[in-house]
């Protein structure tokens, strides 16, 4: 979203798959 400097955001990423607990996960921009 759009926020002012100093603000906060919480991004989420929901993944499919039965073995999510074996995935390494990363965030890139």
ModelCIF file with pLDDT and N, C-alpha, C, O atoms, coordinates in Angstrom:
data_MODEL
#
_entry.id   MODEL 
#
_entity.id                         1 
_entity.type                       polymer 
_entity.pdbx_number_of_molecules   1 
#
_entity_poly.entity_id                      1 
_entity_poly.type                           'polypeptide(L)' 
_entity_poly.nstd_linkage                   no 
_entity_poly.nstd_monomer                   no 
_entity_poly.pdbx_seq_one_letter_code       
;(UNK)(UNK)(UNK)(UNK)(UNK)(UNK)(UNK)(UNK)(UNK)(UNK)(UNK)(UNK)(UNK)(UNK)(UNK)(UNK)
(UNK)(UNK)(UNK)(UNK)(UNK)(UNK)(UNK)(UNK)(UNK)(UNK)(UNK)(UNK)(UNK)
;
_entity_poly.pdbx_seq_one_letter_code_can   XXXXXXXXXXXXXXXXXXXXXXXXXXXXX 
_entity_poly.pdbx_strand_id                 A 
#
loop_
_entity_poly_seq.entity_id 
_entity_poly_seq.num 
_entity_poly_seq.mon_id 
_entity_poly_seq.hetero 
1 1  UNK n 
1 2  UNK n 
1 3  UNK n 
1 4  UNK n 
1 5  UNK n 
1 6  UNK n 
1 7  UNK n 
1 8  UNK n 
1 9  UNK n 
1 10 UNK n 
1 11 UNK n 
1 12 UNK n 
1 13 UNK n 
1 14 UNK n 
1 15 UNK n 
1 16 UNK n 
1 17 UNK n 
1 18 UNK n 
1 19 UNK n 
1 20 UNK n 
1 21 UNK n 
1 22 UNK n 
1 23 UNK n 
1 24 UNK n 
1 25 UNK n 
1 26 UNK n 
1 27 UNK n 
1 28 UNK n 
1 29 UNK n 
#
_struct_asym.id          A 
_struct_asym.entity_id   1 
#
loop_
_ma_qa_metric.id 
_ma_qa_metric.mode 
_ma_qa_metric.name 
_ma_qa_metric.software_group_id 
_ma_qa_metric.type 
1 global pLDDT . pLDDT 
2 local  pLDDT . pLDDT 
#
_ma_qa_metric_global.metric_id      1 
_ma_qa_metric_global.metric_value   96.17 
_ma_qa_metric_global.model_id       1 
_ma_qa_metric_global.ordinal_id     1 
#
loop_
_ma_qa_metric_local.label_asym_id 
_ma_qa_metric_local.label_comp_id 
_ma_qa_metric_local.label_seq_id 
_ma_qa_metric_local.metric_id 
_ma_qa_metric_local.metric_value 
_ma_qa_metric_local.model_id 
_ma_qa_metric_local.ordinal_id 
A UNK 1  2 98.00 1 1  
A UNK 2  2 98.00 1 2  
A UNK 3  2 98.00 1 3  
A UNK 4  2 98.00 1 4  
A UNK 5  2 98.00 1 5  
A UNK 6  2 98.00 1 6  
A UNK 7  2 98.00 1 7  
A UNK 8  2 98.00 1 8  
A UNK 9  2 98.00 1 9  
A UNK 10 2 98.00 1 10 
A UNK 11 2 98.00 1 11 
A UNK 12 2 98.00 1 12 
A UNK 13 2 98.00 1 13 
A UNK 14 2 97.00 1 14 
A UNK 15 2 96.00 1 15 
A UNK 16 2 93.00 1 16 
A UNK 17 2 86.00 1 17 
A UNK 18 2 89.00 1 18 
A UNK 19 2 92.00 1 19 
A UNK 20 2 94.00 1 20 
A UNK 21 2 94.00 1 21 
A UNK 22 2 94.00 1 22 
A UNK 23 2 95.00 1 23 
A UNK 24 2 96.00 1 24 
A UNK 25 2 97.00 1 25 
A UNK 26 2 98.00 1 26 
A UNK 27 2 98.00 1 27 
A UNK 28 2 98.00 1 28 
A UNK 29 2 98.00 1 29 
#
loop_
_atom_site.group_PDB 
_atom_site.id 
_atom_site.type_symbol 
_atom_site.label_atom_id 
_atom_site.label_alt_id 
_atom_site.label_comp_id 
_atom_site.label_asym_id 
_atom_site.label_entity_id 
_atom_site.label_seq_id 
_atom_site.pdbx_PDB_ins_code 
_atom_site.Cartn_x 
_atom_site.Cartn_y 
_atom_site.Cartn_z 
_atom_site.occupancy 
_atom_site.B_iso_or_equiv 
_atom_site.pdbx_formal_charge 
_atom_site.auth_seq_id 
_atom_site.auth_comp_id 
_atom_site.auth_asym_id 
_atom_site.auth_atom_id 
_atom_site.pdbx_PDB_model_num 
ATOM 1   N N  . UNK A 1 1  ? 0.811  -1.200  0.000  1.00 98.00 ? 1  UNK A N  1 
ATOM 2   C CA . UNK A 1 1  ? 0.000  0.000   0.000  1.00 98.00 ? 1  UNK A CA 1 
ATOM 3   C C  . UNK A 1 1  ? 0.845  1.251   0.000  1.00 98.00 ? 1  UNK A C  1 
ATOM 4   O O  . UNK A 1 1  ? 2.064  1.200   -0.166 1.00 98.00 ? 1  UNK A O  1 
ATOM 5   N N  . UNK A 1 2  ? 0.180  2.374   0.188  1.00 98.00 ? 2  UNK A N  1 
ATOM 6   C CA . UNK A 1 2  ? 0.842  3.682   0.242  1.00 98.00 ? 2  UNK A CA 1 
ATOM 7   C C  . UNK A 1 2  ? 0.879  4.147   1.689  1.00 98.00 ? 2  UNK A C  1 
ATOM 8   O O  . UNK A 1 2  ? -0.152 4.238   2.356  1.00 98.00 ? 2  UNK A O  1 
ATOM 9   N N  . UNK A 1 3  ? 2.093  4.442   2.166  1.00 98.00 ? 3  UNK A N  1 
ATOM 10  C CA . UNK A 1 3  ? 2.265  4.923   3.529  1.00 98.00 ? 3  UNK A CA 1 
ATOM 11  C C  . UNK A 1 3  ? 3.221  6.111   3.530  1.00 98.00 ? 3  UNK A C  1 
ATOM 12  O O  . UNK A 1 3  ? 3.990  6.311   2.590  1.00 98.00 ? 3  UNK A O  1 
ATOM 13  N N  . UNK A 1 4  ? 3.159  6.873   4.574  1.00 98.00 ? 4  UNK A N  1 
ATOM 14  C CA . UNK A 1 4  ? 4.108  7.970   4.747  1.00 98.00 ? 4  UNK A CA 1 
ATOM 15  C C  . UNK A 1 4  ? 5.402  7.432   5.336  1.00 98.00 ? 4  UNK A C  1 
ATOM 16  O O  . UNK A 1 4  ? 5.417  6.391   5.994  1.00 98.00 ? 4  UNK A O  1 
ATOM 17  N N  . UNK A 1 5  ? 6.469  8.146   5.094  1.00 98.00 ? 5  UNK A N  1 
ATOM 18  C CA . UNK A 1 5  ? 7.749  7.772   5.686  1.00 98.00 ? 5  UNK A CA 1 
ATOM 19  C C  . UNK A 1 5  ? 7.603  7.665   7.200  1.00 98.00 ? 5  UNK A C  1 
ATOM 20  O O  . UNK A 1 5  ? 6.973  8.501   7.848  1.00 98.00 ? 5  UNK A O  1 
ATOM 21  N N  . UNK A 1 6  ? 8.207  6.603   7.744  1.00 98.00 ? 6  UNK A N  1 
ATOM 22  C CA . UNK A 1 6  ? 8.086  6.340   9.165  1.00 98.00 ? 6  UNK A CA 1 
ATOM 23  C C  . UNK A 1 6  ? 6.980  5.368   9.514  1.00 98.00 ? 6  UNK A C  1 
ATOM 24  O O  . UNK A 1 6  ? 6.907  4.875   10.639 1.00 98.00 ? 6  UNK A O  1 
ATOM 25  N N  . UNK A 1 7  ? 6.129  5.097   8.559  1.00 98.00 ? 7  UNK A N  1 
ATOM 26  C CA . UNK A 1 7  ? 5.023  4.180   8.789  1.00 98.00 ? 7  UNK A CA 1 
ATOM 27  C C  . UNK A 1 7  ? 5.440  2.725   8.699  1.00 98.00 ? 7  UNK A C  1 
ATOM 28  O O  . UNK A 1 7  ? 6.613  2.406   8.507  1.00 98.00 ? 7  UNK A O  1 
ATOM 29  N N  . UNK A 1 8  ? 4.450  1.847   8.843  1.00 98.00 ? 8  UNK A N  1 
ATOM 30  C CA . UNK A 1 8  ? 4.698  0.399   8.852  1.00 98.00 ? 8  UNK A CA 1 
ATOM 31  C C  . UNK A 1 8  ? 3.738  -0.314  7.921  1.00 98.00 ? 8  UNK A C  1 
ATOM 32  O O  . UNK A 1 8  ? 2.627  0.149   7.662  1.00 98.00 ? 8  UNK A O  1 
ATOM 33  N N  . UNK A 1 9  ? 4.193  -1.448  7.429  1.00 98.00 ? 9  UNK A N  1 
ATOM 34  C CA . UNK A 1 9  ? 3.358  -2.354  6.653  1.00 98.00 ? 9  UNK A CA 1 
ATOM 35  C C  . UNK A 1 9  ? 3.729  -3.778  7.005  1.00 98.00 ? 9  UNK A C  1 
ATOM 36  O O  . UNK A 1 9  ? 4.870  -4.064  7.367  1.00 98.00 ? 9  UNK A O  1 
ATOM 37  N N  . UNK A 1 10 ? 2.766  -4.661  6.899  1.00 98.00 ? 10 UNK A N  1 
ATOM 38  C CA . UNK A 1 10 ? 3.019  -6.095  7.070  1.00 98.00 ? 10 UNK A CA 1 
ATOM 39  C C  . UNK A 1 10 ? 2.593  -6.800  5.800  1.00 98.00 ? 10 UNK A C  1 
ATOM 40  O O  . UNK A 1 10 ? 1.407  -6.863  5.477  1.00 98.00 ? 10 UNK A O  1 
ATOM 41  N N  . UNK A 1 11 ? 3.554  -7.322  5.095  1.00 98.00 ? 11 UNK A N  1 
ATOM 42  C CA . UNK A 1 11 ? 3.278  -8.069  3.883  1.00 98.00 ? 11 UNK A CA 1 
ATOM 43  C C  . UNK A 1 11 ? 3.065  -9.532  4.233  1.00 98.00 ? 11 UNK A C  1 
ATOM 44  O O  . UNK A 1 11 ? 3.691  -10.062 5.151  1.00 98.00 ? 11 UNK A O  1 
ATOM 45  N N  . UNK A 1 12 ? 2.173  -10.179 3.489  1.00 98.00 ? 12 UNK A N  1 
ATOM 46  C CA . UNK A 1 12 ? 1.923  -11.605 3.656  1.00 98.00 ? 12 UNK A CA 1 
ATOM 47  C C  . UNK A 1 12 ? 2.089  -12.298 2.326  1.00 98.00 ? 12 UNK A C  1 
ATOM 48  O O  . UNK A 1 12 ? 1.872  -11.708 1.268  1.00 98.00 ? 12 UNK A O  1 
ATOM 49  N N  . UNK A 1 13 ? 2.474  -13.549 2.392  1.00 98.00 ? 13 UNK A N  1 
ATOM 50  C CA . UNK A 1 13 ? 2.598  -14.375 1.192  1.00 98.00 ? 13 UNK A CA 1 
ATOM 51  C C  . UNK A 1 13 ? 2.048  -15.753 1.526  1.00 98.00 ? 13 UNK A C  1 
ATOM 52  O O  . UNK A 1 13 ? 2.625  -16.490 2.325  1.00 98.00 ? 13 UNK A O  1 
ATOM 53  N N  . UNK A 1 14 ? 0.937  -16.085 0.908  1.00 97.00 ? 14 UNK A N  1 
ATOM 54  C CA . UNK A 1 14 ? 0.319  -17.389 1.116  1.00 97.00 ? 14 UNK A CA 1 
ATOM 55  C C  . UNK A 1 14 ? 0.731  -18.322 -0.015 1.00 97.00 ? 14 UNK A C  1 
ATOM 56  O O  . UNK A 1 14 ? 0.607  -17.979 -1.191 1.00 97.00 ? 14 UNK A O  1 
ATOM 57  N N  . UNK A 1 15 ? 1.217  -19.491 0.343  1.00 96.00 ? 15 UNK A N  1 
ATOM 58  C CA . UNK A 1 15 ? 1.733  -20.443 -0.640 1.00 96.00 ? 15 UNK A CA 1 
ATOM 59  C C  . UNK A 1 15 ? 0.897  -21.708 -0.650 1.00 96.00 ? 15 UNK A C  1 
ATOM 60  O O  . UNK A 1 15 ? 0.337  -22.111 0.369  1.00 96.00 ? 15 UNK A O  1 
ATOM 61  N N  . UNK A 1 16 ? 0.823  -22.324 -1.816 1.00 93.00 ? 16 UNK A N  1 
ATOM 62  C CA . UNK A 1 16 ? 0.141  -23.614 -1.926 1.00 93.00 ? 16 UNK A CA 1 
ATOM 63  C C  . UNK A 1 16 ? 1.149  -24.718 -1.648 1.00 93.00 ? 16 UNK A C  1 
ATOM 64  O O  . UNK A 1 16 ? 2.348  -24.475 -1.516 1.00 93.00 ? 16 UNK A O  1 
ATOM 65  N N  . UNK A 1 17 ? 0.629  -25.939 -1.563 1.00 86.00 ? 17 UNK A N  1 
ATOM 66  C CA . UNK A 1 17 ? 1.526  -27.073 -1.389 1.00 86.00 ? 17 UNK A CA 1 
ATOM 67  C C  . UNK A 1 17 ? 1.434  -27.689 -0.020 1.00 86.00 ? 17 UNK A C  1 
ATOM 68  O O  . UNK A 1 17 ? 1.190  -27.007 0.975  1.00 86.00 ? 17 UNK A O  1 
ATOM 69  N N  . UNK A 1 18 ? 1.634  -28.998 0.015  1.00 89.00 ? 18 UNK A N  1 
ATOM 70  C CA . UNK A 1 18 ? 1.516  -29.745 1.262  1.00 89.00 ? 18 UNK A CA 1 
ATOM 71  C C  . UNK A 1 18 ? 2.804  -29.749 2.071  1.00 89.00 ? 18 UNK A C  1 
ATOM 72  O O  . UNK A 1 18 ? 2.819  -30.127 3.242  1.00 89.00 ? 18 UNK A O  1 
ATOM 73  N N  . UNK A 1 19 ? 3.879  -29.323 1.430  1.00 92.00 ? 19 UNK A N  1 
ATOM 74  C CA . UNK A 1 19 ? 5.179  -29.401 2.090  1.00 92.00 ? 19 UNK A CA 1 
ATOM 75  C C  . UNK A 1 19 ? 5.787  -28.029 2.294  1.00 92.00 ? 19 UNK A C  1 
ATOM 76  O O  . UNK A 1 19 ? 6.998  -27.855 2.158  1.00 92.00 ? 19 UNK A O  1 
ATOM 77  N N  . UNK A 1 20 ? 4.950  -27.053 2.620  1.00 94.00 ? 20 UNK A N  1 
ATOM 78  C CA . UNK A 1 20 ? 5.438  -25.687 2.825  1.00 94.00 ? 20 UNK A CA 1 
ATOM 79  C C  . UNK A 1 20 ? 6.539  -25.656 3.861  1.00 94.00 ? 20 UNK A C  1 
ATOM 80  O O  . UNK A 1 20 ? 7.437  -24.818 3.783  1.00 94.00 ? 20 UNK A O  1 
ATOM 81  N N  . UNK A 1 21 ? 6.487  -26.562 4.837  1.00 94.00 ? 21 UNK A N  1 
ATOM 82  C CA . UNK A 1 21 ? 7.479  -26.542 5.896  1.00 94.00 ? 21 UNK A CA 1 
ATOM 83  C C  . UNK A 1 21 ? 8.860  -26.999 5.438  1.00 94.00 ? 21 UNK A C  1 
ATOM 84  O O  . UNK A 1 21 ? 9.797  -27.026 6.237  1.00 94.00 ? 21 UNK A O  1 
ATOM 85  N N  . UNK A 1 22 ? 8.997  -27.355 4.169  1.00 94.00 ? 22 UNK A N  1 
ATOM 86  C CA . UNK A 1 22 ? 10.316 -27.679 3.609  1.00 94.00 ? 22 UNK A CA 1 
ATOM 87  C C  . UNK A 1 22 ? 10.823 -26.575 2.691  1.00 94.00 ? 22 UNK A C  1 
ATOM 88  O O  . UNK A 1 22 ? 11.921 -26.687 2.144  1.00 94.00 ? 22 UNK A O  1 
ATOM 89  N N  . UNK A 1 23 ? 10.039 -25.504 2.510  1.00 95.00 ? 23 UNK A N  1 
ATOM 90  C CA . UNK A 1 23 ? 10.439 -24.438 1.600  1.00 95.00 ? 23 UNK A CA 1 
ATOM 91  C C  . UNK A 1 23 ? 11.260 -23.388 2.320  1.00 95.00 ? 23 UNK A C  1 
ATOM 92  O O  . UNK A 1 23 ? 10.863 -22.922 3.388  1.00 95.00 ? 23 UNK A O  1 
ATOM 93  N N  . UNK A 1 24 ? 12.382 -23.011 1.767  1.00 96.00 ? 24 UNK A N  1 
ATOM 94  C CA . UNK A 1 24 ? 13.009 -21.763 2.165  1.00 96.00 ? 24 UNK A CA 1 
ATOM 95  C C  . UNK A 1 24 ? 12.229 -20.642 1.483  1.00 96.00 ? 24 UNK A C  1 
ATOM 96  O O  . UNK A 1 24 ? 11.816 -20.783 0.332  1.00 96.00 ? 24 UNK A O  1 
ATOM 97  N N  . UNK A 1 25 ? 12.029 -19.541 2.183  1.00 97.00 ? 25 UNK A N  1 
ATOM 98  C CA . UNK A 1 25 ? 11.225 -18.452 1.636  1.00 97.00 ? 25 UNK A CA 1 
ATOM 99  C C  . UNK A 1 25 ? 12.022 -17.147 1.655  1.00 97.00 ? 25 UNK A C  1 
ATOM 100 O O  . UNK A 1 25 ? 12.785 -16.867 2.580  1.00 97.00 ? 25 UNK A O  1 
ATOM 101 N N  . UNK A 1 26 ? 11.818 -16.367 0.605  1.00 98.00 ? 26 UNK A N  1 
ATOM 102 C CA . UNK A 1 26 ? 12.512 -15.088 0.538  1.00 98.00 ? 26 UNK A CA 1 
ATOM 103 C C  . UNK A 1 26 ? 11.590 -13.975 0.073  1.00 98.00 ? 26 UNK A C  1 
ATOM 104 O O  . UNK A 1 26 ? 10.560 -14.215 -0.558 1.00 98.00 ? 26 UNK A O  1 
ATOM 105 N N  . UNK A 1 27 ? 11.988 -12.751 0.401  1.00 98.00 ? 27 UNK A N  1 
ATOM 106 C CA . UNK A 1 27 ? 11.330 -11.561 -0.127 1.00 98.00 ? 27 UNK A CA 1 
ATOM 107 C C  . UNK A 1 27 ? 12.359 -10.772 -0.929 1.00 98.00 ? 27 UNK A C  1 
ATOM 108 O O  . UNK A 1 27 ? 13.479 -10.534 -0.478 1.00 98.00 ? 27 UNK A O  1 
ATOM 109 N N  . UNK A 1 28 ? 11.954 -10.381 -2.109 1.00 98.00 ? 28 UNK A N  1 
ATOM 110 C CA . UNK A 1 28 ? 12.770 -9.558  -2.990 1.00 98.00 ? 28 UNK A CA 1 
ATOM 111 C C  . UNK A 1 28 ? 11.934 -8.370  -3.437 1.00 98.00 ? 28 UNK A C  1 
ATOM 112 O O  . UNK A 1 28 ? 10.705 -8.401  -3.372 1.00 98.00 ? 28 UNK A O  1 
ATOM 113 N N  . UNK A 1 29 ? 12.607 -7.331  -3.887 1.00 98.00 ? 29 UNK A N  1 
ATOM 114 C CA . UNK A 1 29 ? 11.872 -6.162  -4.380 1.00 98.00 ? 29 UNK A CA 1 
ATOM 115 C C  . UNK A 1 29 ? 12.499 -5.665  -5.672 1.00 98.00 ? 29 UNK A C  1 
ATOM 116 O O  . UNK A 1 29 ? 12.027 -4.686  -6.250 1.00 98.00 ? 29 UNK A O  1 
#
